[in-house]
Protein backbone atom coordinates (compact mmCIF):
# COMPACT_ATOMS: atom_id res chain seq x y z
CA UNK A 1 -29.37 -42.25 -0.06
CA UNK A 2 -26.16 -42.14 -2.16
CA UNK A 3 -24.91 -39.03 -4.02
CA UNK A 4 -26.31 -40.11 -7.40
CA UNK A 5 -29.78 -40.69 -5.95
CA UNK A 6 -29.70 -37.34 -4.18
CA UNK A 7 -28.64 -35.57 -7.36
CA UNK A 8 -31.42 -37.23 -9.36
CA UNK A 9 -34.04 -36.36 -6.75
CA UNK A 10 -32.82 -32.76 -6.74
CA UNK A 11 -33.35 -32.53 -10.51
CA UNK A 12 -36.91 -33.83 -10.17
CA UNK A 13 -37.73 -31.35 -7.39
CA UNK A 14 -36.22 -28.43 -9.31
CA UNK A 15 -38.14 -29.40 -12.43
CA UNK A 16 -41.38 -29.60 -10.51
CA UNK A 17 -40.82 -26.29 -8.78
CA UNK A 18 -39.93 -24.60 -12.07
CA UNK A 19 -43.21 -25.82 -13.55
CA UNK A 20 -45.02 -24.56 -10.46
CA UNK A 21 -43.48 -21.12 -10.88
CA UNK A 22 -44.48 -21.00 -14.52
CA UNK A 23 -48.02 -21.83 -13.48
CA UNK A 24 -48.11 -18.50 -11.62
CA UNK A 25 -47.55 -16.88 -15.01
CA UNK A 26 -44.92 -14.55 -13.55
CA UNK A 27 -41.60 -16.31 -14.11
CA UNK A 28 -39.04 -17.69 -11.70
CA UNK A 29 -37.00 -14.49 -11.63
CA UNK A 30 -39.99 -12.56 -10.31
CA UNK A 31 -41.44 -14.92 -7.73
CA UNK A 32 -39.04 -17.42 -6.16
CA UNK A 33 -39.58 -20.25 -3.74
CA UNK A 34 -38.85 -20.17 -0.02
CA UNK A 35 -35.33 -21.10 0.95
CA UNK A 36 -34.02 -22.46 4.24
CA UNK A 37 -31.88 -19.37 4.74
CA UNK A 38 -32.80 -16.83 7.39
CA UNK A 39 -33.13 -13.20 6.32
CA UNK A 40 -32.60 -9.98 8.25
CA UNK A 41 -36.21 -8.95 7.60
CA UNK A 42 -39.17 -10.79 6.15
CA UNK A 43 -42.27 -8.95 4.97
CA UNK A 44 -44.92 -11.66 5.17
CA UNK A 45 -48.36 -12.20 3.66
CA UNK A 46 -48.57 -8.90 1.79
CA UNK A 47 -49.93 -8.11 -1.65
CA UNK A 48 -46.63 -7.74 -3.49
CA UNK A 49 -46.89 -5.30 -6.41
CA UNK A 50 -44.04 -4.69 -8.85
CA UNK A 51 -44.75 -2.26 -11.71
CA UNK A 52 -41.81 -3.52 -13.78
CA UNK A 53 -42.81 -7.20 -13.99
CA UNK A 54 -46.52 -6.79 -13.35
CA UNK A 55 -46.31 -9.04 -10.30
CA UNK A 56 -49.45 -8.66 -8.17
CA UNK A 57 -49.79 -11.58 -5.76
CA UNK A 58 -49.83 -12.38 -2.07
CA UNK A 59 -46.36 -13.42 -1.00
CA UNK A 60 -43.33 -12.90 1.19
CA UNK A 61 -40.23 -10.77 0.70
CA UNK A 62 -36.88 -11.65 2.26
CA UNK A 63 -34.34 -8.87 2.88
CA UNK A 64 -30.68 -9.05 3.90
CA UNK A 65 -27.81 -6.61 3.62
CA UNK A 66 -30.08 -3.83 2.38
CA UNK A 67 -31.21 -5.83 -0.66
CA UNK A 68 -34.22 -7.92 -1.62
CA UNK A 69 -32.94 -11.51 -1.56
CA UNK A 70 -36.13 -13.52 -2.07
CA UNK A 71 -39.74 -13.15 -3.19
CA UNK A 72 -41.72 -16.24 -2.33
CA UNK A 73 -45.16 -17.80 -2.25
CA UNK A 74 -43.91 -19.97 0.60
CA UNK A 75 -42.88 -19.02 4.10
CA UNK A 76 -39.54 -17.31 4.72
CA UNK A 77 -37.58 -17.19 7.96
CA UNK A 78 -36.39 -13.86 9.26
CA UNK A 79 -34.75 -12.34 12.31
CA UNK A 80 -37.54 -9.76 12.10
CA UNK A 81 -40.95 -10.40 10.53
CA UNK A 82 -43.38 -7.73 9.40
CA UNK A 83 -46.93 -9.01 9.02
CA UNK A 84 -48.30 -7.28 5.92
CA UNK A 85 -51.57 -9.18 5.66
CA UNK A 86 -54.13 -6.97 3.94
CA UNK A 87 -51.43 -4.46 2.97
CA UNK A 88 -49.71 -3.63 -0.32
CA UNK A 89 -45.95 -4.20 -0.51
CA UNK A 90 -44.63 -1.74 -3.11
CA UNK A 91 -41.32 -0.24 -4.15
CA UNK A 92 -40.47 2.84 -2.12
CA UNK A 93 -41.68 6.04 -3.72
CA UNK A 94 -39.11 8.21 -5.54
CA UNK A 95 -39.74 11.95 -5.43
CA UNK A 96 -37.90 13.68 -8.28
CA UNK A 97 -38.80 17.17 -7.08
CA UNK A 98 -38.47 18.07 -3.40
CA UNK A 99 -36.91 21.35 -2.31
CA UNK A 100 -37.11 20.60 1.41
CA UNK A 101 -34.00 18.47 1.78
CA UNK A 102 -33.80 18.68 5.56
CA UNK A 103 -34.55 16.23 8.42
CA UNK A 104 -38.05 17.61 9.14
CA UNK A 105 -39.05 17.29 5.48
CA UNK A 106 -37.68 13.75 5.37
CA UNK A 107 -39.90 12.78 8.31
CA UNK A 108 -43.02 13.94 6.49
CA UNK A 109 -41.87 12.27 3.29
CA UNK A 110 -41.23 8.95 5.03
CA UNK A 111 -44.78 9.10 6.42
CA UNK A 112 -45.90 9.63 2.82
CA UNK A 113 -44.06 6.50 1.62
CA UNK A 114 -41.06 8.27 0.05
CA UNK A 115 -37.76 6.42 0.33
CA UNK A 116 -35.71 8.57 -2.10
CA UNK A 117 -36.04 12.37 -2.12
CA UNK A 118 -34.39 14.35 -4.91
CA UNK A 119 -33.84 18.07 -5.51
CA UNK A 120 -33.64 18.12 -9.29
CA UNK A 121 -35.37 21.34 -10.37
CA UNK A 122 -33.41 23.98 -8.44
CA UNK A 123 -30.38 21.85 -7.59
CA UNK A 124 -27.14 23.18 -6.13
CA UNK A 125 -24.00 25.00 -7.22
CA UNK A 126 -21.73 22.74 -5.11
CA UNK A 127 -22.48 19.03 -5.47
CA UNK A 128 -19.81 17.77 -3.04
CA UNK A 129 -20.87 20.15 -0.28
CA UNK A 130 -24.55 19.28 -0.74
CA UNK A 131 -24.00 15.54 -0.43
CA UNK A 132 -21.51 15.73 2.44
CA UNK A 133 -24.00 17.77 4.49
CA UNK A 134 -26.43 14.81 4.46
CA UNK A 135 -24.17 11.77 4.47
CA UNK A 136 -24.87 9.53 7.47
CA UNK A 137 -27.55 11.90 8.79
CA UNK A 138 -30.57 11.14 6.61
CA UNK A 139 -33.72 9.17 7.26
CA UNK A 140 -34.24 8.51 3.54
CA UNK A 141 -32.11 8.48 0.38
CA UNK A 142 -31.17 11.86 -1.10
CA UNK A 143 -29.84 13.31 -4.34
CA UNK A 144 -29.34 16.54 -6.25
CA UNK A 145 -28.79 18.11 -9.65
CA UNK A 146 -26.31 20.76 -10.67
CA UNK A 147 -28.59 23.75 -10.90
CA UNK A 148 -28.58 26.49 -13.51
CA UNK A 149 -30.39 28.81 -11.08
CA UNK A 150 -27.85 28.66 -8.20
CA UNK A 151 -24.92 28.60 -10.62
CA UNK A 152 -26.24 31.72 -12.38
CA UNK A 153 -26.80 33.37 -9.00
CA UNK A 154 -23.24 32.55 -7.92
CA UNK A 155 -21.62 33.83 -11.11
CA UNK A 156 -23.73 37.00 -11.23
CA UNK A 157 -23.44 37.69 -7.46
CA UNK A 158 -27.20 37.71 -6.99
CA UNK A 159 -28.35 38.71 -3.47
CA UNK A 160 -31.16 36.15 -3.40
CA UNK A 161 -30.99 33.00 -1.28
CA UNK A 162 -33.07 30.18 -2.74
CA UNK A 163 -34.24 32.08 -5.83
CA UNK A 164 -32.71 35.09 -7.64
CA UNK A 165 -33.91 38.60 -6.96
CA UNK A 166 -31.17 40.65 -8.65
CA UNK A 167 -29.08 40.33 -11.79
CA UNK A 168 -29.53 36.56 -12.12
CA UNK A 169 -33.24 37.14 -12.58
CA UNK A 170 -33.18 40.35 -14.58
CA UNK A 171 -30.00 40.64 -16.66
CA UNK A 172 -28.61 38.79 -19.66
CA UNK A 173 -25.28 37.12 -18.97
CA UNK A 174 -22.08 38.37 -20.54
CA UNK A 175 -19.87 36.03 -22.56
CA UNK A 176 -17.48 35.77 -19.60
CA UNK A 177 -20.31 34.97 -17.18
CA UNK A 178 -21.69 32.35 -19.53
CA UNK A 179 -18.26 30.72 -19.71
CA UNK A 180 -18.03 30.64 -15.91
CA UNK A 181 -21.49 29.10 -15.69
CA UNK A 182 -20.53 26.39 -18.16
CA UNK A 183 -17.41 25.56 -16.12
CA UNK A 184 -19.43 25.21 -12.91
CA UNK A 185 -22.10 23.10 -14.60
CA UNK A 186 -19.46 20.73 -15.97
CA UNK A 187 -17.80 20.47 -12.56
CA UNK A 188 -21.14 19.48 -11.07
CA UNK A 189 -21.47 16.63 -13.54
CA UNK A 190 -17.91 15.48 -12.83
CA UNK A 191 -18.85 15.31 -9.15
CA UNK A 192 -21.86 13.06 -9.69
CA UNK A 193 -24.85 15.38 -10.07
CA UNK A 194 -27.88 13.29 -11.01
CA UNK A 195 -29.27 15.75 -13.54
CA UNK A 196 -29.34 19.39 -14.60
CA UNK A 197 -31.83 21.67 -12.90
CA UNK A 198 -33.28 24.68 -14.66
CA UNK A 199 -35.97 27.25 -13.81
CA UNK A 200 -36.22 29.55 -16.78
CA UNK A 201 -39.23 31.37 -15.32
CA UNK A 202 -37.01 32.47 -12.43
CA UNK A 203 -34.13 33.52 -14.70
CA UNK A 204 -36.31 35.25 -17.26
CA UNK A 205 -33.48 37.38 -18.65
CA UNK A 206 -31.51 34.29 -19.70
CA UNK A 207 -31.27 34.29 -23.48
CA UNK A 208 -32.45 31.41 -25.63
CA UNK A 209 -28.81 30.90 -26.58
CA UNK A 210 -27.89 30.47 -22.90
CA UNK A 211 -30.60 27.89 -22.39
CA UNK A 212 -29.49 25.92 -25.45
CA UNK A 213 -25.89 26.01 -24.19
CA UNK A 214 -27.00 24.56 -20.83
CA UNK A 215 -28.86 21.79 -22.68
CA UNK A 216 -25.74 21.10 -24.72
CA UNK A 217 -23.69 20.60 -21.53
CA UNK A 218 -26.30 18.23 -20.10
CA UNK A 219 -26.31 16.21 -23.32
CA UNK A 220 -22.54 15.80 -23.07
CA UNK A 221 -23.00 13.98 -19.76
CA UNK A 222 -26.17 12.10 -20.61
CA UNK A 223 -28.08 14.05 -17.99
CA UNK A 224 -31.77 14.88 -18.06
CA UNK A 225 -32.67 18.57 -17.82
CA UNK A 226 -35.44 19.15 -15.26
CA UNK A 227 -37.05 22.39 -16.39
CA UNK A 228 -39.49 24.87 -14.94
CA UNK A 229 -40.64 26.44 -18.20
CA UNK A 230 -39.97 30.07 -19.13
CA UNK A 231 -43.68 30.80 -19.28
CA UNK A 232 -46.62 29.58 -17.22
CA UNK A 233 -50.07 30.75 -18.09
CA UNK A 234 -52.68 31.36 -20.73
CA UNK A 235 -51.89 34.75 -22.29
CA UNK A 236 -50.30 34.67 -25.73
CA UNK A 237 -47.51 34.81 -26.64
CA UNK A 238 -46.19 33.89 -23.17
CA UNK A 239 -48.10 30.67 -22.50
CA UNK A 240 -47.09 27.30 -21.15
CA UNK A 241 -47.31 26.04 -24.72
CA UNK A 242 -44.70 28.58 -25.82
CA UNK A 243 -42.55 27.60 -22.86
CA UNK A 244 -42.63 23.92 -23.70
CA UNK A 245 -41.89 24.64 -27.37
CA UNK A 246 -38.63 26.32 -26.33
CA UNK A 247 -37.29 23.38 -24.34
CA UNK A 248 -38.48 20.68 -26.75
CA UNK A 249 -36.62 22.55 -29.47
CA UNK A 250 -33.51 22.74 -27.25
CA UNK A 251 -33.75 19.00 -26.53
CA UNK A 252 -34.14 18.19 -30.22
CA UNK A 253 -31.19 20.38 -31.18
CA UNK A 254 -28.82 19.02 -28.52
CA UNK A 255 -30.09 15.45 -27.87
CA UNK A 256 -30.35 16.22 -24.16
CA UNK A 257 -33.04 14.28 -22.27
CA UNK A 258 -35.80 16.63 -21.13
CA UNK A 259 -38.04 16.45 -18.06
CA UNK A 260 -40.77 19.10 -17.72
CA UNK A 261 -41.58 19.73 -14.07
CA UNK A 262 -45.07 20.29 -12.60
CA UNK A 263 -46.81 20.45 -15.97
CA UNK A 264 -50.15 21.47 -14.44
CA UNK A 265 -48.86 24.73 -12.97
CA UNK A 266 -47.22 25.50 -16.31
CA UNK A 267 -50.22 24.68 -18.50
CA UNK A 268 -53.13 25.56 -16.21
CA UNK A 269 -56.28 25.04 -18.32
CA UNK A 270 -54.06 24.13 -21.29
CA UNK A 271 -52.44 21.22 -19.39
CA UNK A 272 -53.86 18.52 -21.71
CA UNK A 273 -52.28 20.30 -24.68
CA UNK A 274 -48.89 20.42 -22.97
CA UNK A 275 -49.16 16.71 -22.23
CA UNK A 276 -49.95 16.12 -25.90
CA UNK A 277 -46.78 18.06 -26.78
CA UNK A 278 -44.74 15.71 -24.58
CA UNK A 279 -46.43 12.67 -26.13
CA UNK A 280 -45.81 14.00 -29.63
CA UNK A 281 -42.14 14.63 -28.93
CA UNK A 282 -41.78 11.08 -27.62
CA UNK A 283 -43.38 9.69 -30.76
CA UNK A 284 -40.75 11.56 -32.76
CA UNK A 285 -38.02 9.76 -30.82
CA UNK A 286 -37.12 12.49 -28.31
CA UNK A 287 -36.40 11.56 -24.70
CA UNK A 288 -39.02 13.75 -23.03
CA UNK A 289 -40.88 13.10 -19.78
CA UNK A 290 -42.97 15.10 -17.33
CA UNK A 291 -44.47 15.13 -13.84
CA UNK A 292 -47.28 16.65 -11.79
CA UNK A 293 -48.45 17.04 -8.21
CA UNK A 294 -52.07 16.23 -7.27
CA UNK A 295 -53.18 19.71 -6.16
CA UNK A 296 -54.97 22.70 -7.65
CA UNK A 297 -52.51 25.24 -6.26
CA UNK A 298 -48.84 25.94 -6.79
CA UNK A 299 -46.36 27.61 -4.46
CA UNK A 300 -43.26 29.77 -4.76
CA UNK A 301 -41.54 32.85 -3.38
CA UNK A 302 -43.54 36.06 -3.77
CA UNK A 303 -40.37 38.09 -4.38
CA UNK A 304 -39.41 35.95 -7.40
CA UNK A 305 -39.56 37.06 -11.04
CA UNK A 306 -42.76 35.07 -11.50
CA UNK A 307 -44.61 37.98 -9.86
CA UNK A 308 -43.05 40.70 -11.97
CA UNK A 309 -45.63 43.01 -13.62
CA UNK A 310 -48.01 41.14 -15.91
CA UNK A 311 -48.41 38.07 -13.68
CA UNK A 312 -52.18 38.51 -13.31
CA UNK A 313 -52.85 38.53 -17.04
CA UNK A 314 -50.39 35.72 -17.68
CA UNK A 315 -51.84 33.31 -15.11
CA UNK A 316 -55.44 34.47 -15.35
CA UNK A 317 -55.66 35.12 -11.60
CA UNK A 318 -55.59 38.11 -9.26
CA UNK A 319 -54.60 39.00 -5.69
CA UNK A 320 -57.37 36.99 -4.01
CA UNK A 321 -56.03 33.80 -5.63
CA UNK A 322 -52.66 34.23 -3.90
CA UNK A 323 -52.39 33.07 -0.28
CA UNK A 324 -49.66 34.23 2.12
CA UNK A 325 -48.47 30.89 3.51
CA UNK A 326 -47.41 32.15 6.94
CA UNK A 327 -50.89 33.37 7.91
CA UNK A 328 -53.17 31.73 5.35
CA UNK A 329 -54.63 35.08 4.32
CA UNK A 330 -55.59 35.86 0.72
CA UNK A 331 -53.77 38.90 -0.63
CA UNK A 332 -54.99 42.33 -1.67
CA UNK A 333 -53.16 44.92 -3.76
CA UNK A 334 -51.82 46.47 -0.55
CA UNK A 335 -50.69 43.26 1.15
CA UNK A 336 -49.20 42.00 -2.11
CA UNK A 337 -46.79 44.96 -2.20
CA UNK A 338 -46.06 44.68 1.52
CA UNK A 339 -45.22 40.98 1.49
CA UNK A 340 -43.37 41.12 -1.83
CA UNK A 341 -40.93 43.60 -0.31
CA UNK A 342 -40.48 41.41 2.78
CA UNK A 343 -40.21 38.17 0.80
CA UNK A 344 -41.80 34.83 1.63
CA UNK A 345 -43.76 31.85 0.38
CA UNK A 346 -47.21 32.05 -1.20
CA UNK A 347 -49.71 29.45 -2.35
CA UNK A 348 -51.13 30.17 -5.80
CA UNK A 349 -54.66 28.88 -6.47
CA UNK A 350 -54.56 28.72 -10.25
CA UNK A 351 -54.81 25.10 -11.46
CA UNK A 352 -58.26 23.87 -12.59
CA UNK A 353 -59.34 20.59 -10.99
CA UNK A 354 -59.89 19.04 -14.41
CA UNK A 355 -56.26 19.86 -15.33
CA UNK A 356 -54.93 18.27 -12.13
CA UNK A 357 -57.06 15.17 -12.66
CA UNK A 358 -56.04 14.83 -16.32
CA UNK A 359 -52.35 14.87 -15.40
CA UNK A 360 -52.64 12.52 -12.43
CA UNK A 361 -54.67 10.04 -14.49
CA UNK A 362 -52.35 10.07 -17.49
CA UNK A 363 -50.07 6.98 -17.41
CA UNK A 364 -47.24 8.99 -18.99
CA UNK A 365 -47.08 11.69 -16.27
CA UNK A 366 -44.97 10.90 -13.21
CA UNK A 367 -45.86 12.00 -9.68
CA UNK A 368 -43.54 14.42 -7.86
CA UNK A 369 -44.28 16.68 -4.92
CA UNK A 370 -42.39 19.95 -5.51
CA UNK A 371 -42.34 20.09 -1.70
CA UNK A 372 -41.14 23.28 -0.06
CA UNK A 373 -38.69 23.74 2.84
CA UNK A 374 -40.49 23.79 6.19
CA UNK A 375 -39.52 27.09 7.75
CA UNK A 376 -42.61 27.69 9.87
CA UNK A 377 -46.07 26.36 10.61
CA UNK A 378 -47.46 27.08 7.14
CA UNK A 379 -46.36 25.66 3.80
CA UNK A 380 -48.04 24.08 0.78
CA UNK A 381 -49.35 20.59 1.73
CA UNK A 382 -47.82 18.90 -1.33
CA UNK A 383 -44.51 18.15 0.38
CA UNK A 384 -46.32 16.25 3.10
CA UNK A 385 -49.17 14.48 1.29
CA UNK A 386 -48.59 14.10 -2.46
CA UNK A 387 -48.19 10.34 -2.72
CA UNK A 388 -50.91 9.40 -0.25
CA UNK A 389 -53.25 11.84 -1.99
CA UNK A 390 -52.74 10.07 -5.31
CA UNK A 391 -53.34 6.67 -3.73
CA UNK A 392 -56.25 7.71 -1.53
CA UNK A 393 -58.09 10.40 -3.45
CA UNK A 394 -57.37 9.71 -7.11
CA UNK A 395 -56.93 5.91 -7.08
CA UNK A 396 -59.34 4.74 -4.37
CA UNK A 397 -62.00 7.47 -4.25
CA UNK A 398 -62.05 8.99 -7.72
CA UNK A 399 -60.90 5.85 -9.58
CA UNK A 400 -59.11 8.16 -12.00
CA UNK A 401 -56.41 5.49 -12.41
CA UNK A 402 -55.75 1.96 -11.20
CA UNK A 403 -53.39 1.14 -8.34
CA UNK A 404 -50.63 -0.43 -10.43
CA UNK A 405 -50.53 2.58 -12.75
CA UNK A 406 -50.38 4.90 -9.77
CA UNK A 407 -47.46 2.97 -8.30
CA UNK A 408 -45.63 2.88 -11.63
CA UNK A 409 -45.82 6.69 -11.86
CA UNK A 410 -44.16 7.14 -8.45
CA UNK A 411 -41.62 4.26 -8.46
CA UNK A 412 -40.49 2.65 -11.70
CA UNK A 413 -40.85 5.65 -14.00
CA UNK A 414 -38.77 8.04 -11.85
CA UNK A 415 -36.08 5.36 -11.52
CA UNK A 416 -36.02 4.84 -15.28
CA UNK A 417 -35.73 8.61 -15.83
CA UNK A 418 -32.39 8.62 -14.00
CA UNK A 419 -30.86 5.18 -14.47
CA UNK A 420 -28.92 5.91 -17.65
CA UNK A 421 -26.87 8.58 -15.93
CA UNK A 422 -27.00 7.02 -12.46
CA UNK A 423 -27.01 3.20 -12.84
CA UNK A 424 -27.84 2.75 -9.16
CA UNK A 425 -31.44 3.58 -10.02
CA UNK A 426 -31.69 0.29 -11.92
CA UNK A 427 -32.06 -1.24 -8.46
CA UNK A 428 -34.71 1.21 -7.27
CA UNK A 429 -38.41 1.44 -8.05
CA UNK A 430 -38.73 -2.35 -8.29
CA UNK A 431 -39.68 -5.31 -6.14
CA UNK A 432 -37.31 -7.95 -7.47
CA UNK A 433 -34.44 -10.07 -6.24
CA UNK A 434 -31.29 -7.96 -6.15
CA UNK A 435 -33.10 -4.60 -5.93
CA UNK A 436 -32.47 -2.18 -3.10
CA UNK A 437 -34.72 -2.87 -0.13
CA UNK A 438 -36.48 0.50 -0.35
CA UNK A 439 -40.03 -0.64 0.30
CA UNK A 440 -43.32 1.01 1.22
CA UNK A 441 -46.09 -1.03 2.82
CA UNK A 442 -49.51 0.62 2.94
CA UNK A 443 -53.20 -0.04 3.49
CA UNK A 444 -54.93 0.65 0.15
CA UNK A 445 -58.27 1.02 1.92
CA UNK A 446 -57.03 3.58 4.40
CA UNK A 447 -54.13 5.52 2.88
CA UNK A 448 -54.95 9.23 2.85
CA UNK A 449 -53.26 12.60 2.91
CA UNK A 450 -54.03 14.69 5.99
CA UNK A 451 -52.07 17.85 5.12
CA UNK A 452 -54.29 20.74 4.08
CA UNK A 453 -53.71 24.36 3.02
CA UNK A 454 -54.93 25.46 6.46
CA UNK A 455 -53.07 22.77 8.47
CA UNK A 456 -50.27 21.53 6.24
CA UNK A 457 -47.96 19.94 8.81
CA UNK A 458 -49.89 16.71 9.27
CA UNK A 459 -48.58 13.23 8.55
CA UNK A 460 -50.31 11.07 5.97
CA UNK A 461 -52.12 8.00 7.29
CA UNK A 462 -52.20 4.41 6.07
CA UNK A 463 -48.49 4.15 5.28
CA UNK A 464 -47.76 1.42 7.78
CA UNK A 465 -44.15 0.39 7.15
CA UNK A 466 -41.32 2.05 5.24
CA UNK A 467 -37.91 0.46 4.78
CA UNK A 468 -34.87 2.32 3.45
CA UNK A 469 -31.98 0.06 2.45
CA UNK A 470 -33.58 -2.67 4.53
CA UNK A 471 -33.92 -0.58 7.70
CA UNK A 472 -37.35 0.32 9.06
CA UNK A 473 -37.92 4.07 9.27
CA UNK A 474 -41.69 3.81 9.75
CA UNK A 475 -43.18 0.94 11.78
CA UNK A 476 -46.90 0.54 12.48
CA UNK A 477 -47.47 4.01 11.04
CA UNK A 478 -44.96 5.72 13.34
CA UNK A 479 -41.46 7.04 12.77
CA UNK A 480 -38.57 5.01 14.15
CA UNK A 481 -36.24 7.14 16.24
CA UNK A 482 -32.48 7.29 15.84
CA UNK A 483 -32.07 5.57 12.47
CA UNK A 484 -30.34 7.18 9.48
CA UNK A 485 -30.19 4.57 6.71
CA UNK A 486 -30.55 7.07 3.85
CA UNK A 487 -27.75 6.96 1.31
CA UNK A 488 -26.57 9.28 -1.43
CA UNK A 489 -28.28 8.70 -4.77
CA UNK A 490 -25.51 9.93 -7.04
CA UNK A 491 -24.15 9.52 -10.53
CA UNK A 492 -20.60 8.14 -10.94
CA UNK A 493 -17.87 10.61 -10.00
CA UNK A 494 -15.39 11.19 -12.82
CA UNK A 495 -13.09 13.87 -11.35
């Protein structure tokens, strides 16, 4: 065959294959044909689901150099092949809200399908130090915000550790302190913080003017503000609705993107109304998003400002609804005072099941765990089982939402929330050629959360394979030892 004949035959073959691709109804860019090249890893015969393109078809995924290089209906050759027959091949889950940014937490998160774990509500006061502590040592990807809480604690010399217990919780800032806070927040953005973290309920003495100023700084850097509202509960005038009004107003006044964290624990029985507020703000052109976890209990530190006098009336609960995490016991008036002085984590049984279900089922509400650091044998189960609980309980058993919607809420939507400030997220949360090879492979008929309030440190089941930047961290449902492929998820550094 001469060169002209070969060229002509190539055109015919390409034309035929292009027509074949179009017949799939998914476009050549989404589902490409097998190539002769060999890939580092091939995920074969799985149900490939991509929330961005809508792709939902049995196929093969070729991975090399930490990236997805091919998605094919035909066979692909790989140095390593993962047989995913009967399994779903999805983008790795992105958790926008995980406080436990340590190796043990990452192990539980990997078992739950998470490939990128982010601390965006509380954040840090030193972005460089936070990232350097995890570089080259992490099972999964990691990222952080510059946090108003730790910055306020630093400036006001608060004695608290994770959350404020002194002046940062209970005193209005002076003009000089506010200026110092602003300087530290700006430095955090220069150093690549993904977002701005804010927990107004924990810094209850912060003035409305201070909150607006923090929003103004975030807007300057195109950063979303991830806010724990000032109020959580059902007693007027300090309700979740009043809390969300404050931050929507701040977002409107400053043009800062707003992300309302764990909307169910803020709204309680009024959760549907808070979701309507978010939807209404979006319709008016504001950049507002929200998230939830799939549980009927929250968790926080008992010594925090949330439990200052009036908490029972505000949340509509009492001592018996608060559980001391370390022992699992429900509190009384006496043990409440005892443990509050000592300090520690409690589980707060305050969210109606119908509120949790409404949020999980709503296509607009992202999924995020709000997982807690693992400091002992007892902790809220959400950090260990959130994503599998959505897929197993709410998608498969309750049929509260379909599988593709569930995946979109834990992959594509979190990536889109961050990609304007951190362009690297344009290559996360998707199964497409050129995207990062952060991939979760699970059995939709078997995936289930095993962590409970009584026995929270149990791995989820049914997550069979997890790849982070093309490296397997979970294989056949078990952790892979000695691998640390997690990379920093970070915004561009400007200074």
